[in-house]
Amino acid sequence: MVTIQVKDVNYNYNGFKALKNIELTLNKGQVIGLLGPNGCGKTTLLKCISGILTPSKGDIEIGGYSLPELDNTDRARTIGYVPQAEEVNFSITVFDTILMGRKPYLGWKPSKKDLKIVRNLINQFELKDLAMRGLDELSGGQRQKVILARALAQKPKILVLDEPTNNLDIKHQIEMLNIAKKESKNDILVLIAIHDLNLAARYCDQVIIMKEGEVYAQGGPEKLNKENIEPVYQVKIKIKEIDGHKIIIPHSEQKTPHLYEEDPEKIPPTTK
């Protein structure tokens, strides 16, 4: 069984503690949602797990091997990483972009198997009409699908998605999450940072809620409750159930500190 074990992981940015004593055991065959407000450490944790960043302290084991023990090829065959956004500064076709995911397996030229995998992904993602288009010509939703297809071309055991639904319309959000759910059923461990609590409640088998660089709560979707959400996000919520799905609704009236409540010195002098 492929597992990720995060052991007492800390990460510091110029003295700022972005991650504090993180302990996690994550198993394959699940969509695991990483949640929390901006700046809580989600992206930093995903980059540590993907090997992009090296923890300041602690260790990450994948399948019993410490991450630094895996060379670049083994790591690329094990972990597929999709960033929040990927800048495209040059023209490259959709086909060639997905083919780049086969780099850990390529010889001096693509094999029939490599080309077949790319063609299958193009068909699966309904990208056939775009295959010869440049990546820089695509919409945000189309481009995100291509980047995900490239990661899946690696045939990874672990798929790490950093807020893949950001800036996508609801149709493309659902497409992305349906793909993630389907891949988890192929015994892939899908770890996804996600902002939308309702989508997390619907698609995630497990959730990890972070606050200020620490794990605040962990467990099944039932952990998305008032007791965890309100103190982490600093908002009041109510929870409804519609057609068997949990719906998390922020109260329409939230207390917003007045400018002068935060700093009494800013109160202007009275005039007569």
C-alpha atoms as a PDB file:
ATOM      1  CA  MET A   1       0.000   0.000   0.000  1.00  0.00           C
ATOM      2  CA  VAL A   2       1.326   3.413  -0.992  1.00  0.00           C
ATOM      3  CA  THR A   3       1.127   5.749   1.958  1.00  0.00           C
ATOM      4  CA  ILE A   4       2.486   9.170   2.741  1.00  0.00           C
ATOM      5  CA  GLN A   5       3.807   9.634   6.240  1.00  0.00           C
ATOM      6  CA  VAL A   6       4.519  13.192   7.300  1.00  0.00           C
ATOM      7  CA  LYS A   7       6.667  13.080  10.417  1.00  0.00           C
ATOM      8  CA  ASP A   8       7.053  16.186  12.566  1.00  0.00           C
ATOM      9  CA  VAL A   9       7.468  18.409   9.497  1.00  0.00           C
ATOM     10  CA  ASN A  10       8.310  22.075   9.963  1.00  0.00           C
ATOM     11  CA  TYR A  11       9.065  24.675   7.327  1.00  0.00           C
ATOM     12  CA  ASN A  12      10.422  28.184   7.853  1.00  0.00           C
ATOM     13  CA  TYR A  13      10.385  31.098   5.393  1.00  0.00           C
ATOM     14  CA  ASN A  14      13.027  33.587   6.516  1.00  0.00           C
ATOM     15  CA  GLY A  15      12.220  32.887  10.145  1.00  0.00           C
ATOM     16  CA  PHE A  16       8.449  32.661   9.638  1.00  0.00           C
ATOM     17  CA  LYS A  17       7.081  29.249  10.682  1.00  0.00           C
ATOM     18  CA  ALA A  18       4.868  28.247   7.758  1.00  0.00           C
ATOM     19  CA  LEU A  19       4.480  24.650   8.993  1.00  0.00           C
ATOM     20  CA  LYS A  20       4.611  23.541  12.616  1.00  0.00           C
ATOM     21  CA  ASN A  21       5.076  19.919  13.695  1.00  0.00           C
ATOM     22  CA  ILE A  22       2.857  18.369  11.018  1.00  0.00           C
ATOM     23  CA  GLU A  23       2.053  14.668  11.596  1.00  0.00           C
ATOM     24  CA  LEU A  24      -0.057  12.865   8.973  1.00  0.00           C
ATOM     25  CA  THR A  25      -0.619   9.385   7.548  1.00  0.00           C
ATOM     26  CA  LEU A  26      -2.344   9.393   4.152  1.00  0.00           C
ATOM     27  CA  ASN A  27      -3.475   6.235   2.331  1.00  0.00           C
ATOM     28  CA  LYS A  28      -4.116   5.454  -1.329  1.00  0.00           C
ATOM     29  CA  GLY A  29      -7.542   5.134  -2.903  1.00  0.00           C
ATOM     30  CA  GLN A  30      -8.887   8.361  -1.427  1.00  0.00           C
ATOM     31  CA  VAL A  31      -9.442  12.001  -2.286  1.00  0.00           C
ATOM     32  CA  ILE A  32      -7.988  13.896   0.655  1.00  0.00           C
ATOM     33  CA  GLY A  33      -8.902  17.568   0.864  1.00  0.00           C
ATOM     34  CA  LEU A  34      -6.527  20.111   2.371  1.00  0.00           C
ATOM     35  CA  LEU A  35      -8.490  23.102   3.640  1.00  0.00           C
ATOM     36  CA  GLY A  36      -7.919  26.329   5.515  1.00  0.00           C
ATOM     37  CA  PRO A  37      -7.750  30.084   4.970  1.00  0.00           C
ATOM     38  CA  ASN A  38      -5.144  31.781   2.795  1.00  0.00           C
ATOM     39  CA  GLY A  39      -1.693  31.656   4.362  1.00  0.00           C
ATOM     40  CA  CYS A  40      -2.383  28.646   6.591  1.00  0.00           C
ATOM     41  CA  GLY A  41       0.348  26.520   4.948  1.00  0.00           C
ATOM     42  CA  LYS A  42      -1.563  24.404   2.416  1.00  0.00           C
ATOM     43  CA  THR A  43       0.654  25.125  -0.597  1.00  0.00           C
ATOM     44  CA  THR A  44       3.819  24.838   1.486  1.00  0.00           C
ATOM     45  CA  LEU A  45       2.767  21.404   2.725  1.00  0.00           C
ATOM     46  CA  LEU A  46       1.905  20.224  -0.788  1.00  0.00           C
ATOM     47  CA  LYS A  47       5.277  21.415  -2.084  1.00  0.00           C
ATOM     48  CA  CYS A  48       7.075  19.590   0.730  1.00  0.00           C
ATOM     49  CA  ILE A  49       5.182  16.381  -0.045  1.00  0.00           C
ATOM     50  CA  SER A  50       5.952  16.800  -3.759  1.00  0.00           C
ATOM     51  CA  GLY A  51       9.665  17.317  -3.081  1.00  0.00           C
ATOM     52  CA  ILE A  52       9.682  20.877  -4.407  1.00  0.00           C
ATOM     53  CA  LEU A  53      10.548  22.201  -0.940  1.00  0.00           C
ATOM     54  CA  THR A  54      12.683  20.506   1.703  1.00  0.00           C
ATOM     55  CA  PRO A  55      11.329  20.663   5.265  1.00  0.00           C
ATOM     56  CA  SER A  56      13.363  22.663   7.767  1.00  0.00           C
ATOM     57  CA  LYS A  57      12.774  19.805  10.191  1.00  0.00           C
ATOM     58  CA  GLY A  58      11.161  16.366  10.046  1.00  0.00           C
ATOM     59  CA  ASP A  59      10.773  13.802   7.290  1.00  0.00           C
ATOM     60  CA  ILE A  60       8.290  12.685   4.637  1.00  0.00           C
ATOM     61  CA  GLU A  61       8.112   9.005   3.693  1.00  0.00           C
ATOM     62  CA  ILE A  62       6.399   7.647   0.610  1.00  0.00           C
ATOM     63  CA  GLY A  63       5.843   3.910   0.453  1.00  0.00           C
ATOM     64  CA  GLY A  64       8.348   3.467   3.269  1.00  0.00           C
ATOM     65  CA  TYR A  65      11.092   5.488   1.565  1.00  0.00           C
ATOM     66  CA  SER A  66      12.249   8.874   2.768  1.00  0.00           C
ATOM     67  CA  LEU A  67      11.543  11.414   0.030  1.00  0.00           C
ATOM     68  CA  PRO A  68      15.213  12.504  -0.299  1.00  0.00           C
ATOM     69  CA  GLU A  69      16.110   8.847  -1.042  1.00  0.00           C
ATOM     70  CA  LEU A  70      14.063   8.922  -4.267  1.00  0.00           C
ATOM     71  CA  ASP A  71      15.917  10.190  -7.327  1.00  0.00           C
ATOM     72  CA  ASN A  72      14.214  12.557  -9.746  1.00  0.00           C
ATOM     73  CA  THR A  73      13.006   9.758 -12.037  1.00  0.00           C
ATOM     74  CA  ASP A  74      11.500   7.688  -9.209  1.00  0.00           C
ATOM     75  CA  ARG A  75       9.901  10.800  -7.767  1.00  0.00           C
ATOM     76  CA  ALA A  76       8.361  11.728 -11.136  1.00  0.00           C
ATOM     77  CA  ARG A  77       6.994   8.192 -11.519  1.00  0.00           C
ATOM     78  CA  THR A  78       5.480   8.369  -8.043  1.00  0.00           C
ATOM     79  CA  ILE A  79       4.105  11.922  -7.707  1.00  0.00           C
ATOM     80  CA  GLY A  80       2.162  13.965 -10.225  1.00  0.00           C
ATOM     81  CA  TYR A  81       1.965  17.631  -9.215  1.00  0.00           C
ATOM     82  CA  VAL A  82      -0.446  20.223 -10.604  1.00  0.00           C
ATOM     83  CA  PRO A  83       0.321  23.787  -9.419  1.00  0.00           C
ATOM     84  CA  GLN A  84      -2.221  26.551  -8.791  1.00  0.00           C
ATOM     85  CA  ALA A  85      -1.326  28.191 -12.079  1.00  0.00           C
ATOM     86  CA  GLU A  86       1.330  27.625 -14.694  1.00  0.00           C
ATOM     87  CA  GLU A  87       2.670  30.455 -16.784  1.00  0.00           C
ATOM     88  CA  VAL A  88       3.072  29.752 -20.485  1.00  0.00           C
ATOM     89  CA  ASN A  89       5.798  31.919 -21.986  1.00  0.00           C
ATOM     90  CA  PHE A  90       6.206  29.981 -25.227  1.00  0.00           C
ATOM     91  CA  SER A  91       3.975  28.109 -27.640  1.00  0.00           C
ATOM     92  CA  ILE A  92       3.742  24.332 -27.190  1.00  0.00           C
ATOM     93  CA  THR A  93       0.926  22.130 -28.414  1.00  0.00           C
ATOM     94  CA  VAL A  94      -1.532  20.325 -26.175  1.00  0.00           C
ATOM     95  CA  PHE A  95      -0.224  16.985 -27.492  1.00  0.00           C
ATOM     96  CA  ASP A  96       3.405  17.817 -26.710  1.00  0.00           C
ATOM     97  CA  THR A  97       2.498  19.202 -23.284  1.00  0.00           C
ATOM     98  CA  ILE A  98       0.840  15.928 -22.274  1.00  0.00           C
ATOM     99  CA  LEU A  99       3.702  13.955 -23.812  1.00  0.00           C
ATOM    100  CA  MET A 100       6.077  15.807 -21.450  1.00  0.00           C
ATOM    101  CA  GLY A 101       4.457  13.788 -18.662  1.00  0.00           C
ATOM    102  CA  ARG A 102       6.063  10.667 -20.140  1.00  0.00           C
ATOM    103  CA  LYS A 103       9.574  12.075 -19.657  1.00  0.00           C
ATOM    104  CA  PRO A 104      10.373   9.731 -16.703  1.00  0.00           C
ATOM    105  CA  TYR A 105       9.838   6.765 -19.063  1.00  0.00           C
ATOM    106  CA  LEU A 106      11.173   8.060 -22.382  1.00  0.00           C
ATOM    107  CA  GLY A 107      14.106   6.599 -24.243  1.00  0.00           C
ATOM    108  CA  TRP A 108      15.665   8.509 -27.098  1.00  0.00           C
ATOM    109  CA  LYS A 109      12.209   8.876 -28.640  1.00  0.00           C
ATOM    110  CA  PRO A 110       8.601   8.241 -27.565  1.00  0.00           C
ATOM    111  CA  SER A 111       7.538   4.603 -27.728  1.00  0.00           C
ATOM    112  CA  LYS A 112       4.226   3.328 -29.080  1.00  0.00           C
ATOM    113  CA  LYS A 113       3.112   2.946 -25.463  1.00  0.00           C
ATOM    114  CA  ASP A 114       3.956   6.586 -24.690  1.00  0.00           C
ATOM    115  CA  LEU A 115       1.991   7.833 -27.703  1.00  0.00           C
ATOM    116  CA  LYS A 116      -0.950   5.565 -26.876  1.00  0.00           C
ATOM    117  CA  ILE A 117      -1.107   6.911 -23.307  1.00  0.00           C
ATOM    118  CA  VAL A 118      -1.132  10.495 -24.619  1.00  0.00           C
ATOM    119  CA  ARG A 119      -3.848   9.733 -27.179  1.00  0.00           C
ATOM    120  CA  ASN A 120      -5.975   8.006 -24.537  1.00  0.00           C
ATOM    121  CA  LEU A 121      -5.695  11.004 -22.207  1.00  0.00           C
ATOM    122  CA  ILE A 122      -6.599  13.402 -25.023  1.00  0.00           C
ATOM    123  CA  ASN A 123      -9.737  11.348 -25.687  1.00  0.00           C
ATOM    124  CA  GLN A 124     -10.541  10.956 -21.979  1.00  0.00           C
ATOM    125  CA  PHE A 125     -10.288  14.716 -21.394  1.00  0.00           C
ATOM    126  CA  GLU A 126     -12.162  15.529 -24.619  1.00  0.00           C
ATOM    127  CA  LEU A 127      -9.206  17.478 -26.001  1.00  0.00           C
ATOM    128  CA  LYS A 128      -9.089  15.923 -29.485  1.00  0.00           C
ATOM    129  CA  ASP A 129     -10.090  19.152 -31.264  1.00  0.00           C
ATOM    130  CA  LEU A 130      -7.416  21.061 -29.328  1.00  0.00           C
ATOM    131  CA  ALA A 131      -4.544  18.568 -29.632  1.00  0.00           C
ATOM    132  CA  MET A 132      -2.543  20.659 -32.114  1.00  0.00           C
ATOM    133  CA  ARG A 133      -3.459  24.016 -30.592  1.00  0.00           C
ATOM    134  CA  GLY A 134      -0.911  25.965 -28.589  1.00  0.00           C
ATOM    135  CA  LEU A 135      -1.278  25.910 -24.827  1.00  0.00           C
ATOM    136  CA  ASP A 136      -1.169  29.712 -24.841  1.00  0.00           C
ATOM    137  CA  GLU A 137      -4.299  29.767 -27.024  1.00  0.00           C
ATOM    138  CA  LEU A 138      -6.501  27.918 -24.513  1.00  0.00           C
ATOM    139  CA  SER A 139      -8.903  29.158 -21.873  1.00  0.00           C
ATOM    140  CA  GLY A 140      -8.000  28.756 -18.201  1.00  0.00           C
ATOM    141  CA  GLY A 141     -10.259  25.721 -17.807  1.00  0.00           C
ATOM    142  CA  GLN A 142      -8.906  24.024 -20.933  1.00  0.00           C
ATOM    143  CA  ARG A 143      -5.320  24.696 -19.897  1.00  0.00           C
ATOM    144  CA  GLN A 144      -5.897  23.287 -16.412  1.00  0.00           C
ATOM    145  CA  LYS A 145      -7.267  20.071 -17.925  1.00  0.00           C
ATOM    146  CA  VAL A 146      -4.143  19.760 -20.091  1.00  0.00           C
ATOM    147  CA  ILE A 147      -1.828  20.240 -17.089  1.00  0.00           C
ATOM    148  CA  LEU A 148      -3.778  17.586 -15.171  1.00  0.00           C
ATOM    149  CA  ALA A 149      -3.563  15.239 -18.165  1.00  0.00           C
ATOM    150  CA  ARG A 150       0.211  15.795 -18.248  1.00  0.00           C
ATOM    151  CA  ALA A 151       0.448  14.792 -14.578  1.00  0.00           C
ATOM    152  CA  LEU A 152      -1.621  11.653 -15.220  1.00  0.00           C
ATOM    153  CA  ALA A 153       0.650  10.750 -18.156  1.00  0.00           C
ATOM    154  CA  GLN A 154       3.310  10.162 -15.502  1.00  0.00           C
ATOM    155  CA  LYS A 155       1.164   7.255 -14.219  1.00  0.00           C
ATOM    156  CA  PRO A 156       1.726   8.487 -10.654  1.00  0.00           C
ATOM    157  CA  LYS A 157       0.735   6.686  -7.486  1.00  0.00           C
ATOM    158  CA  ILE A 158       0.116  10.057  -5.833  1.00  0.00           C
ATOM    159  CA  LEU A 159      -1.625  13.013  -7.460  1.00  0.00           C
ATOM    160  CA  VAL A 160      -1.098  16.383  -5.779  1.00  0.00           C
ATOM    161  CA  LEU A 161      -3.425  19.189  -6.875  1.00  0.00           C
ATOM    162  CA  ASP A 162      -2.897  22.711  -5.556  1.00  0.00           C
ATOM    163  CA  GLU A 163      -6.244  24.532  -5.778  1.00  0.00           C
ATOM    164  CA  PRO A 164      -7.000  23.208  -9.278  1.00  0.00           C
ATOM    165  CA  THR A 165     -10.499  24.726  -9.314  1.00  0.00           C
ATOM    166  CA  ASN A 166      -9.363  28.321  -8.724  1.00  0.00           C
ATOM    167  CA  ASN A 167     -10.563  30.749 -11.380  1.00  0.00           C
ATOM    168  CA  LEU A 168     -12.627  28.043 -13.115  1.00  0.00           C
ATOM    169  CA  ASP A 169     -16.344  28.208 -13.799  1.00  0.00           C
ATOM    170  CA  ILE A 170     -18.579  25.673 -12.078  1.00  0.00           C
ATOM    171  CA  LYS A 171     -18.628  23.334 -15.107  1.00  0.00           C
ATOM    172  CA  HIS A 172     -14.836  23.047 -15.197  1.00  0.00           C
ATOM    173  CA  GLN A 173     -14.642  22.772 -11.395  1.00  0.00           C
ATOM    174  CA  ILE A 174     -16.940  19.756 -11.456  1.00  0.00           C
ATOM    175  CA  GLU A 175     -15.029  18.228 -14.383  1.00  0.00           C
ATOM    176  CA  MET A 176     -11.734  18.525 -12.497  1.00  0.00           C
ATOM    177  CA  LEU A 177     -13.123  17.032  -9.298  1.00  0.00           C
ATOM    178  CA  ASN A 178     -14.893  14.193 -11.115  1.00  0.00           C
ATOM    179  CA  ILE A 179     -11.564  13.286 -12.721  1.00  0.00           C
ATOM    180  CA  ALA A 180      -9.837  13.385  -9.328  1.00  0.00           C
ATOM    181  CA  LYS A 181     -12.531  11.150  -7.818  1.00  0.00           C
ATOM    182  CA  LYS A 182     -12.279   8.687 -10.696  1.00  0.00           C
ATOM    183  CA  GLU A 183      -8.481   8.492 -10.383  1.00  0.00           C
ATOM    184  CA  SER A 184      -8.726   7.771  -6.643  1.00  0.00           C
ATOM    185  CA  LYS A 185     -10.768   4.673  -7.501  1.00  0.00           C
ATOM    186  CA  ASN A 186      -7.736   3.452  -9.472  1.00  0.00           C
ATOM    187  CA  ASP A 187      -5.847   3.210  -6.155  1.00  0.00           C
ATOM    188  CA  ILE A 188      -4.242   6.624  -6.579  1.00  0.00           C
ATOM    189  CA  LEU A 189      -3.848   8.834  -3.527  1.00  0.00           C
ATOM    190  CA  VAL A 190      -5.273  12.219  -4.518  1.00  0.00           C
ATOM    191  CA  LEU A 191      -4.260  15.113  -2.270  1.00  0.00           C
ATOM    192  CA  ILE A 192      -6.033  18.333  -3.172  1.00  0.00           C
ATOM    193  CA  ALA A 193      -5.944  21.843  -1.716  1.00  0.00           C
ATOM    194  CA  ILE A 194      -9.389  23.322  -2.116  1.00  0.00           C
ATOM    195  CA  HIS A 195     -11.149  26.500  -0.950  1.00  0.00           C
ATOM    196  CA  ASP A 196     -14.772  25.616  -1.628  1.00  0.00           C
ATOM    197  CA  LEU A 197     -16.075  23.872   1.493  1.00  0.00           C
ATOM    198  CA  ASN A 198     -19.173  22.562  -0.261  1.00  0.00           C
ATOM    199  CA  LEU A 199     -17.156  20.933  -3.040  1.00  0.00           C
ATOM    200  CA  ALA A 200     -14.832  19.469  -0.391  1.00  0.00           C
ATOM    201  CA  ALA A 201     -17.793  18.030   1.524  1.00  0.00           C
ATOM    202  CA  ARG A 202     -19.095  16.436  -1.666  1.00  0.00           C
ATOM    203  CA  TYR A 203     -15.914  15.070  -3.244  1.00  0.00           C
ATOM    204  CA  CYS A 204     -13.411  14.393  -0.433  1.00  0.00           C
ATOM    205  CA  ASP A 205     -13.199  11.104   1.456  1.00  0.00           C
ATOM    206  CA  GLN A 206     -11.023  12.699   4.127  1.00  0.00           C
ATOM    207  CA  VAL A 207     -10.291  16.313   5.036  1.00  0.00           C
ATOM    208  CA  ILE A 208      -7.371  18.011   6.758  1.00  0.00           C
ATOM    209  CA  ILE A 209      -8.203  21.458   8.103  1.00  0.00           C
ATOM    210  CA  MET A 210      -5.205  23.724   8.695  1.00  0.00           C
ATOM    211  CA  LYS A 211      -4.826  26.892  10.708  1.00  0.00           C
ATOM    212  CA  GLU A 212      -1.663  28.975  11.077  1.00  0.00           C
ATOM    213  CA  GLY A 213       0.660  26.216   9.892  1.00  0.00           C
ATOM    214  CA  GLU A 214      -0.835  23.459  12.033  1.00  0.00           C
ATOM    215  CA  VAL A 215      -3.363  20.665  11.567  1.00  0.00           C
ATOM    216  CA  TYR A 216      -6.490  21.874  13.358  1.00  0.00           C
ATOM    217  CA  ALA A 217      -8.771  18.918  12.536  1.00  0.00           C
ATOM    218  CA  GLN A 218      -8.599  15.731  10.471  1.00  0.00           C
ATOM    219  CA  GLY A 219     -11.075  13.017   9.545  1.00  0.00           C
ATOM    220  CA  GLY A 220     -14.056  12.343   7.302  1.00  0.00           C
ATOM    221  CA  PRO A 221     -16.304  15.034   5.795  1.00  0.00           C
ATOM    222  CA  GLU A 222     -18.147  15.193   9.128  1.00  0.00           C
ATOM    223  CA  LYS A 223     -15.216  17.310  10.336  1.00  0.00           C
ATOM    224  CA  LEU A 224     -16.624  20.117   8.182  1.00  0.00           C
ATOM    225  CA  ASN A 225     -18.807  21.306  11.037  1.00  0.00           C
ATOM    226  CA  LYS A 226     -19.446  24.550  12.918  1.00  0.00           C
ATOM    227  CA  GLU A 227     -16.995  23.586  15.671  1.00  0.00           C
ATOM    228  CA  ASN A 228     -14.097  23.463  13.190  1.00  0.00           C
ATOM    229  CA  ILE A 229     -15.083  25.902  10.439  1.00  0.00           C
ATOM    230  CA  GLU A 230     -16.055  28.917  12.542  1.00  0.00           C
ATOM    231  CA  PRO A 231     -12.823  29.258  14.563  1.00  0.00           C
ATOM    232  CA  VAL A 232     -10.594  28.472  11.562  1.00  0.00           C
ATOM    233  CA  TYR A 233     -12.261  30.785   9.041  1.00  0.00           C
ATOM    234  CA  GLN A 234     -13.527  33.362  11.550  1.00  0.00           C
ATOM    235  CA  VAL A 235     -17.049  33.307  10.114  1.00  0.00           C
ATOM    236  CA  LYS A 236     -20.421  32.200  11.413  1.00  0.00           C
ATOM    237  CA  ILE A 237     -22.071  29.448   9.359  1.00  0.00           C
ATOM    238  CA  LYS A 238     -25.158  27.311   9.212  1.00  0.00           C
ATOM    239  CA  ILE A 239     -25.297  23.830   7.727  1.00  0.00           C
ATOM    240  CA  LYS A 240     -28.181  22.429   5.702  1.00  0.00           C
ATOM    241  CA  GLU A 241     -28.679  19.122   3.907  1.00  0.00           C
ATOM    242  CA  ILE A 242     -30.116  19.032   0.384  1.00  0.00           C
ATOM    243  CA  ASP A 243     -30.603  15.767  -1.523  1.00  0.00           C
ATOM    244  CA  GLY A 244     -28.250  14.035   0.900  1.00  0.00           C
ATOM    245  CA  HIS A 245     -25.456  16.586   0.439  1.00  0.00           C
ATOM    246  CA  LYS A 246     -24.125  18.874   3.153  1.00  0.00           C
ATOM    247  CA  ILE A 247     -24.400  22.569   2.284  1.00  0.00           C
ATOM    248  CA  ILE A 248     -22.339  25.074   4.287  1.00  0.00           C
ATOM    249  CA  ILE A 249     -23.790  28.582   4.273  1.00  0.00           C
ATOM    250  CA  PRO A 250     -22.109  31.660   5.787  1.00  0.00           C
ATOM    251  CA  HIS A 251     -24.450  33.917   7.731  1.00  0.00           C
ATOM    252  CA  SER A 252     -25.410  36.942   5.681  1.00  0.00           C
ATOM    253  CA  GLU A 253     -24.498  39.270   8.541  1.00  0.00           C
ATOM    254  CA  GLN A 254     -20.913  38.958   9.734  1.00  0.00           C
ATOM    255  CA  LYS A 255     -19.463  41.280  12.334  1.00  0.00           C
ATOM    256  CA  THR A 256     -16.806  43.403  10.666  1.00  0.00           C
ATOM    257  CA  PRO A 257     -14.603  45.468  12.972  1.00  0.00           C
ATOM    258  CA  HIS A 258     -15.056  49.193  12.469  1.00  0.00           C
ATOM    259  CA  LEU A 259     -11.939  51.045  11.408  1.00  0.00           C
ATOM    260  CA  TYR A 260     -11.756  52.813  14.755  1.00  0.00           C
ATOM    261  CA  GLU A 261     -12.383  49.663  16.839  1.00  0.00           C
ATOM    262  CA  GLU A 262      -9.038  48.300  15.632  1.00  0.00           C
ATOM    263  CA  ASP A 263      -7.115  51.516  16.260  1.00  0.00           C
ATOM    264  CA  PRO A 264      -8.742  54.096  18.564  1.00  0.00           C
ATOM    265  CA  GLU A 265      -6.001  56.601  17.681  1.00  0.00           C
ATOM    266  CA  LYS A 266      -7.536  56.913  14.217  1.00  0.00           C
ATOM    267  CA  ILE A 267     -10.701  58.473  15.638  1.00  0.00           C
ATOM    268  CA  PRO A 268     -10.822  61.961  14.157  1.00  0.00           C
ATOM    269  CA  PRO A 269     -11.009  64.869  16.574  1.00  0.00           C
ATOM    270  CA  THR A 270     -14.453  66.350  17.120  1.00  0.00           C
ATOM    271  CA  THR A 271     -15.065  69.706  15.544  1.00  0.00           C
ATOM    272  CA  LYS A 272     -17.488  72.430  16.458  1.00  0.00           C
END
